[in-house]
Amino acid sequence: MSIGTGIVLFVIGAILAFALNLQVDFIDLQLVGYLLMGAGALVFIIGLILMLRKRQSVTTVHSGVDDNGRSVREHRTSTTPDDI
């Protein structure tokens, strides 16, 4: 989600910086475009880093009955190692 947000911010910033030739007295649209492009690039890079660092965990539950007739549940959780 953050990768898409970064791309959208970058594209909107590029449109403001390069495609529009509007002069507004109270704001510099070209500067706002450059700021949005920088923010979009930053969000994109952070999104890539977080996606690459994402760890997956799998939880397995086994249910059964022991020798005394009691219900037994076993939970096992495994995560992906850091060095993948």
Protein backbone atom coordinates (compact mmCIF):
# COMPACT_ATOMS: atom_id res chain seq x y z
CA MET A 1 0.00 0.00 0.00
CA SER A 2 2.78 2.44 0.84
CA ILE A 3 4.53 1.69 -2.45
CA GLY A 4 1.43 2.75 -4.38
CA THR A 5 1.03 5.83 -2.22
CA GLY A 6 4.62 6.81 -2.93
CA ILE A 7 4.08 6.44 -6.66
CA VAL A 8 0.88 8.51 -6.54
CA LEU A 9 2.59 11.30 -4.56
CA PHE A 10 5.50 11.32 -6.99
CA VAL A 11 3.21 11.53 -10.04
CA ILE A 12 1.10 14.33 -8.56
CA GLY A 13 4.29 16.19 -7.66
CA ALA A 14 5.67 15.77 -11.18
CA ILE A 15 2.44 17.11 -12.66
CA LEU A 16 2.56 20.14 -10.38
CA ALA A 17 6.26 20.74 -11.00
CA PHE A 18 6.49 20.19 -14.74
CA ALA A 19 3.08 20.13 -16.43
CA LEU A 20 1.18 23.05 -14.92
CA ASN A 21 2.00 26.65 -15.79
CA LEU A 22 -0.27 28.34 -13.28
CA GLN A 23 0.78 31.37 -11.26
CA VAL A 24 -0.84 31.60 -7.85
CA ASP A 25 0.00 34.51 -5.54
CA PHE A 26 -0.11 32.64 -2.23
CA ILE A 27 1.77 29.39 -3.09
CA ASP A 28 4.54 28.23 -5.41
CA LEU A 29 3.10 25.18 -7.16
CA GLN A 30 6.48 24.16 -8.58
CA LEU A 31 7.99 23.99 -5.07
CA VAL A 32 4.97 22.01 -3.83
CA GLY A 33 5.48 19.64 -6.76
CA TYR A 34 9.13 19.09 -5.86
CA LEU A 35 8.20 18.51 -2.22
CA LEU A 36 5.55 15.96 -3.20
CA MET A 37 8.03 14.21 -5.49
CA GLY A 38 10.54 13.97 -2.62
CA ALA A 39 7.91 12.72 -0.21
CA GLY A 40 6.71 10.17 -2.77
CA ALA A 41 10.24 8.86 -3.32
CA LEU A 42 10.77 8.60 0.43
CA VAL A 43 7.48 6.75 1.01
CA PHE A 44 8.29 4.41 -1.90
CA ILE A 45 11.73 3.56 -0.47
CA ILE A 46 10.35 3.02 3.05
CA GLY A 47 7.63 0.78 1.60
CA LEU A 48 10.23 -1.32 -0.22
CA ILE A 49 12.34 -1.67 2.91
CA LEU A 50 9.37 -2.71 5.02
CA MET A 51 8.22 -5.19 2.39
CA LEU A 52 11.66 -6.80 2.21
CA ARG A 53 11.91 -7.02 6.00
CA LYS A 54 8.45 -8.51 6.40
CA ARG A 55 8.51 -11.75 8.33
CA GLN A 56 5.91 -14.41 7.88
CA SER A 57 4.65 -16.53 10.71
CA VAL A 58 2.61 -19.70 10.48
CA THR A 59 0.56 -21.00 13.39
CA THR A 60 -0.53 -24.63 13.34
CA VAL A 61 -3.17 -25.92 15.75
CA HIS A 62 -3.72 -29.62 16.38
CA SER A 63 -6.72 -30.76 18.39
CA GLY A 64 -7.24 -34.18 19.83
CA VAL A 65 -8.15 -36.29 22.84
CA ASP A 66 -5.58 -37.71 25.29
CA ASP A 67 -5.70 -41.13 27.01
CA ASN A 68 -7.96 -39.82 29.80
CA GLY A 69 -10.57 -38.46 27.38
CA ARG A 70 -9.63 -34.81 27.85
CA SER A 71 -9.46 -32.42 24.94
CA VAL A 72 -5.92 -31.39 23.99
CA ARG A 73 -4.83 -28.55 21.72
CA GLU A 74 -1.28 -28.00 20.53
CA HIS A 75 -0.16 -24.64 19.09
CA ARG A 76 3.05 -24.28 17.07
CA THR A 77 4.24 -21.01 15.57
CA SER A 78 7.14 -20.79 13.16
CA THR A 79 8.61 -17.63 11.61
CA THR A 80 10.82 -17.13 8.63
CA PRO A 81 14.50 -16.69 9.50
CA ASP A 82 16.16 -13.27 9.15
CA ASP A 83 18.86 -14.42 6.72
CA ILE A 84 16.58 -15.23 3.76
